[in-house]
Amino acid sequence: MKKSIFKTLSKLNKKILPSYSKDPNFNLAKASKLQMALIGYKTWVTKNALD
């Protein structure tokens, strides 16, 4: 049950939230706090969807 919720969240994130990995000018060292929070959130959801 938990895994299916995270898989659904992952699909929703892919459609709604921006993808910073596709931007060639994105610099992780210069990312804002909001960008870092989004990256952390997406990583957390992905990790739980794969477990």
PDB file of N, CA and C in Angstrom:
ATOM      1  N   MET A   1       0.830  -1.194   0.000  1.00  0.00           N
ATOM      2  CA  MET A   1       0.000   0.000   0.000  1.00  0.00           C
ATOM      3  C   MET A   1       0.870   1.251   0.000  1.00  0.00           C
ATOM      4  N   LYS A   2       1.844   1.301   0.889  1.00  0.00           N
ATOM      5  CA  LYS A   2       2.715   2.465   0.997  1.00  0.00           C
ATOM      6  C   LYS A   2       3.480   2.701  -0.299  1.00  0.00           C
ATOM      7  N   LYS A   3       3.951   1.615  -0.904  1.00  0.00           N
ATOM      8  CA  LYS A   3       4.728   1.721  -2.125  1.00  0.00           C
ATOM      9  C   LYS A   3       3.885   2.282  -3.267  1.00  0.00           C
ATOM     10  N   SER A   4       2.636   1.897  -3.348  1.00  0.00           N
ATOM     11  CA  SER A   4       1.772   2.385  -4.422  1.00  0.00           C
ATOM     12  C   SER A   4       1.485   3.880  -4.279  1.00  0.00           C
ATOM     13  N   ILE A   5       1.402   4.358  -3.056  1.00  0.00           N
ATOM     14  CA  ILE A   5       1.203   5.796  -2.821  1.00  0.00           C
ATOM     15  C   ILE A   5       2.412   6.578  -3.323  1.00  0.00           C
ATOM     16  N   PHE A   6       3.604   6.084  -3.022  1.00  0.00           N
ATOM     17  CA  PHE A   6       4.814   6.772  -3.463  1.00  0.00           C
ATOM     18  C   PHE A   6       4.992   6.691  -4.978  1.00  0.00           C
ATOM     19  N   LYS A   7       4.567   5.610  -5.594  1.00  0.00           N
ATOM     20  CA  LYS A   7       4.632   5.514  -7.050  1.00  0.00           C
ATOM     21  C   LYS A   7       3.697   6.526  -7.696  1.00  0.00           C
ATOM     22  N   THR A   8       2.520   6.700  -7.117  1.00  0.00           N
ATOM     23  CA  THR A   8       1.576   7.691  -7.621  1.00  0.00           C
ATOM     24  C   THR A   8       2.126   9.098  -7.436  1.00  0.00           C
ATOM     25  N   LEU A   9       2.715   9.361  -6.270  1.00  0.00           N
ATOM     26  CA  LEU A   9       3.336  10.665  -6.022  1.00  0.00           C
ATOM     27  C   LEU A   9       4.473  10.921  -7.009  1.00  0.00           C
ATOM     28  N   SER A  10       5.239   9.911  -7.309  1.00  0.00           N
ATOM     29  CA  SER A  10       6.347  10.040  -8.242  1.00  0.00           C
ATOM     30  C   SER A  10       5.860  10.425  -9.634  1.00  0.00           C
ATOM     31  N   LYS A  11       4.791   9.796 -10.091  1.00  0.00           N
ATOM     32  CA  LYS A  11       4.223  10.123 -11.393  1.00  0.00           C
ATOM     33  C   LYS A  11       3.681  11.543 -11.412  1.00  0.00           C
ATOM     34  N   LEU A  12       3.044  11.947 -10.330  1.00  0.00           N
ATOM     35  CA  LEU A  12       2.513  13.298 -10.222  1.00  0.00           C
ATOM     36  C   LEU A  12       3.647  14.327 -10.213  1.00  0.00           C
ATOM     37  N   ASN A  13       4.720  14.031  -9.487  1.00  0.00           N
ATOM     38  CA  ASN A  13       5.871  14.927  -9.433  1.00  0.00           C
ATOM     39  C   ASN A  13       6.491  15.112 -10.808  1.00  0.00           C
ATOM     40  N   LYS A  14       6.551  14.032 -11.571  1.00  0.00           N
ATOM     41  CA  LYS A  14       7.161  14.087 -12.893  1.00  0.00           C
ATOM     42  C   LYS A  14       6.387  15.026 -13.813  1.00  0.00           C
ATOM     43  N   LYS A  15       5.079  15.073 -13.636  1.00  0.00           N
ATOM     44  CA  LYS A  15       4.251  15.919 -14.490  1.00  0.00           C
ATOM     45  C   LYS A  15       4.207  17.371 -14.028  1.00  0.00           C
ATOM     46  N   ILE A  16       4.286  17.607 -12.719  1.00  0.00           N
ATOM     47  CA  ILE A  16       4.067  18.947 -12.181  1.00  0.00           C
ATOM     48  C   ILE A  16       5.360  19.696 -11.853  1.00  0.00           C
ATOM     49  N   LEU A  17       6.264  19.059 -11.145  1.00  0.00           N
ATOM     50  CA  LEU A  17       7.458  19.739 -10.655  1.00  0.00           C
ATOM     51  C   LEU A  17       8.540  19.835 -11.727  1.00  0.00           C
ATOM     52  N   PRO A  18       9.356  20.892 -11.665  1.00  0.00           N
ATOM     53  CA  PRO A  18      10.409  21.067 -12.671  1.00  0.00           C
ATOM     54  C   PRO A  18      11.515  20.032 -12.529  1.00  0.00           C
ATOM     55  N   SER A  19      12.157  19.736 -13.651  1.00  0.00           N
ATOM     56  CA  SER A  19      13.286  18.805 -13.664  1.00  0.00           C
ATOM     57  C   SER A  19      14.565  19.621 -13.840  1.00  0.00           C
ATOM     58  N   TYR A  20      15.368  19.672 -12.811  1.00  0.00           N
ATOM     59  CA  TYR A  20      16.596  20.448 -12.867  1.00  0.00           C
ATOM     60  C   TYR A  20      17.715  19.696 -13.576  1.00  0.00           C
ATOM     61  N   SER A  21      17.625  18.396 -13.692  1.00  0.00           N
ATOM     62  CA  SER A  21      18.682  17.617 -14.334  1.00  0.00           C
ATOM     63  C   SER A  21      18.733  17.853 -15.844  1.00  0.00           C
ATOM     64  N   LYS A  22      17.657  18.317 -16.428  1.00  0.00           N
ATOM     65  CA  LYS A  22      17.616  18.561 -17.868  1.00  0.00           C
ATOM     66  C   LYS A  22      18.121  19.956 -18.242  1.00  0.00           C
ATOM     67  N   ASP A  23      18.335  20.809 -17.269  1.00  0.00           N
ATOM     68  CA  ASP A  23      18.804  22.168 -17.507  1.00  0.00           C
ATOM     69  C   ASP A  23      20.336  22.183 -17.481  1.00  0.00           C
ATOM     70  N   PRO A  24      20.980  22.454 -18.605  1.00  0.00           N
ATOM     71  CA  PRO A  24      22.453  22.415 -18.632  1.00  0.00           C
ATOM     72  C   PRO A  24      23.103  23.540 -17.824  1.00  0.00           C
ATOM     73  N   ASN A  25      22.370  24.612 -17.551  1.00  0.00           N
ATOM     74  CA  ASN A  25      22.927  25.740 -16.805  1.00  0.00           C
ATOM     75  C   ASN A  25      22.658  25.669 -15.312  1.00  0.00           C
ATOM     76  N   PHE A  26      22.003  24.599 -14.845  1.00  0.00           N
ATOM     77  CA  PHE A  26      21.682  24.481 -13.424  1.00  0.00           C
ATOM     78  C   PHE A  26      22.931  24.099 -12.644  1.00  0.00           C
ATOM     79  N   ASN A  27      23.211  24.868 -11.603  1.00  0.00           N
ATOM     80  CA  ASN A  27      24.375  24.618 -10.756  1.00  0.00           C
ATOM     81  C   ASN A  27      23.866  24.300  -9.352  1.00  0.00           C
ATOM     82  N   LEU A  28      24.111  23.100  -8.894  1.00  0.00           N
ATOM     83  CA  LEU A  28      23.626  22.660  -7.581  1.00  0.00           C
ATOM     84  C   LEU A  28      24.215  23.503  -6.457  1.00  0.00           C
ATOM     85  N   ALA A  29      25.430  23.973  -6.638  1.00  0.00           N
ATOM     86  CA  ALA A  29      26.082  24.785  -5.613  1.00  0.00           C
ATOM     87  C   ALA A  29      25.403  26.148  -5.456  1.00  0.00           C
ATOM     88  N   LYS A  30      24.742  26.618  -6.493  1.00  0.00           N
ATOM     89  CA  LYS A  30      24.082  27.929  -6.456  1.00  0.00           C
ATOM     90  C   LYS A  30      22.565  27.822  -6.371  1.00  0.00           C
ATOM     91  N   ALA A  31      22.057  26.644  -6.054  1.00  0.00           N
ATOM     92  CA  ALA A  31      20.614  26.434  -5.977  1.00  0.00           C
ATOM     93  C   ALA A  31      20.026  27.160  -4.774  1.00  0.00           C
ATOM     94  N   SER A  32      18.816  27.676  -4.943  1.00  0.00           N
ATOM     95  CA  SER A  32      18.139  28.345  -3.838  1.00  0.00           C
ATOM     96  C   SER A  32      17.614  27.299  -2.853  1.00  0.00           C
ATOM     97  N   LYS A  33      17.149  27.775  -1.721  1.00  0.00           N
ATOM     98  CA  LYS A  33      16.618  26.857  -0.707  1.00  0.00           C
ATOM     99  C   LYS A  33      15.368  26.138  -1.214  1.00  0.00           C
ATOM    100  N   LEU A  34      14.551  26.818  -1.986  1.00  0.00           N
ATOM    101  CA  LEU A  34      13.358  26.196  -2.553  1.00  0.00           C
ATOM    102  C   LEU A  34      13.750  25.097  -3.538  1.00  0.00           C
ATOM    103  N   GLN A  35      14.724  25.369  -4.384  1.00  0.00           N
ATOM    104  CA  GLN A  35      15.181  24.356  -5.328  1.00  0.00           C
ATOM    105  C   GLN A  35      15.764  23.150  -4.601  1.00  0.00           C
ATOM    106  N   MET A  36      16.541  23.393  -3.557  1.00  0.00           N
ATOM    107  CA  MET A  36      17.125  22.297  -2.781  1.00  0.00           C
ATOM    108  C   MET A  36      16.028  21.480  -2.087  1.00  0.00           C
ATOM    109  N   ALA A  37      14.992  22.165  -1.601  1.00  0.00           N
ATOM    110  CA  ALA A  37      13.883  21.468  -0.958  1.00  0.00           C
ATOM    111  C   ALA A  37      13.142  20.585  -1.969  1.00  0.00           C
ATOM    112  N   LEU A  38      12.931  21.088  -3.185  1.00  0.00           N
ATOM    113  CA  LEU A  38      12.268  20.292  -4.217  1.00  0.00           C
ATOM    114  C   LEU A  38      13.104  19.083  -4.621  1.00  0.00           C
ATOM    115  N   ILE A  39      14.409  19.267  -4.728  1.00  0.00           N
ATOM    116  CA  ILE A  39      15.296  18.160  -5.071  1.00  0.00           C
ATOM    117  C   ILE A  39      15.263  17.100  -3.969  1.00  0.00           C
ATOM    118  N   GLY A  40      15.308  17.537  -2.716  1.00  0.00           N
ATOM    119  CA  GLY A  40      15.241  16.613  -1.588  1.00  0.00           C
ATOM    120  C   GLY A  40      13.923  15.869  -1.530  1.00  0.00           C
ATOM    121  N   TYR A  41      12.829  16.573  -1.767  1.00  0.00           N
ATOM    122  CA  TYR A  41      11.503  15.960  -1.750  1.00  0.00           C
ATOM    123  C   TYR A  41      11.374  14.906  -2.856  1.00  0.00           C
ATOM    124  N   LYS A  42      11.814  15.261  -4.069  1.00  0.00           N
ATOM    125  CA  LYS A  42      11.728  14.320  -5.180  1.00  0.00           C
ATOM    126  C   LYS A  42      12.612  13.097  -4.942  1.00  0.00           C
ATOM    127  N   THR A  43      13.767  13.303  -4.333  1.00  0.00           N
ATOM    128  CA  THR A  43      14.660  12.191  -4.009  1.00  0.00           C
ATOM    129  C   THR A  43      14.021  11.269  -2.982  1.00  0.00           C
ATOM    130  N   TRP A  44      13.409  11.851  -1.962  1.00  0.00           N
ATOM    131  CA  TRP A  44      12.747  11.075  -0.911  1.00  0.00           C
ATOM    132  C   TRP A  44      11.597  10.243  -1.484  1.00  0.00           C
ATOM    133  N   VAL A  45      10.788  10.854  -2.350  1.00  0.00           N
ATOM    134  CA  VAL A  45       9.668  10.137  -2.952  1.00  0.00           C
ATOM    135  C   VAL A  45      10.183   9.010  -3.834  1.00  0.00           C
ATOM    136  N   THR A  46      11.204   9.288  -4.632  1.00  0.00           N
ATOM    137  CA  THR A  46      11.760   8.261  -5.512  1.00  0.00           C
ATOM    138  C   THR A  46      12.342   7.102  -4.721  1.00  0.00           C
ATOM    139  N   LYS A  47      13.067   7.408  -3.664  1.00  0.00           N
ATOM    140  CA  LYS A  47      13.669   6.369  -2.827  1.00  0.00           C
ATOM    141  C   LYS A  47      12.596   5.460  -2.228  1.00  0.00           C
ATOM    142  N   ASN A  48      11.523   6.040  -1.738  1.00  0.00           N
ATOM    143  CA  ASN A  48      10.452   5.245  -1.143  1.00  0.00           C
ATOM    144  C   ASN A  48       9.631   4.496  -2.188  1.00  0.00           C
ATOM    145  N   ALA A  49       9.545   5.009  -3.400  1.00  0.00           N
ATOM    146  CA  ALA A  49       8.816   4.322  -4.457  1.00  0.00           C
ATOM    147  C   ALA A  49       9.584   3.090  -4.931  1.00  0.00           C
ATOM    148  N   LEU A  50      10.901   3.133  -4.822  1.00  0.00           N
ATOM    149  CA  LEU A  50      11.729   2.016  -5.289  1.00  0.00           C
ATOM    150  C   LEU A  50      11.920   0.919  -4.238  1.00  0.00           C
ATOM    151  N   ASP A  51      11.780   1.245  -2.980  1.00  0.00           N
ATOM    152  CA  ASP A  51      12.003   0.253  -1.919  1.00  0.00           C
ATOM    153  C   ASP A  51      11.004  -0.867  -1.930  1.00  0.00           C
TER     154      ASP A  51
END
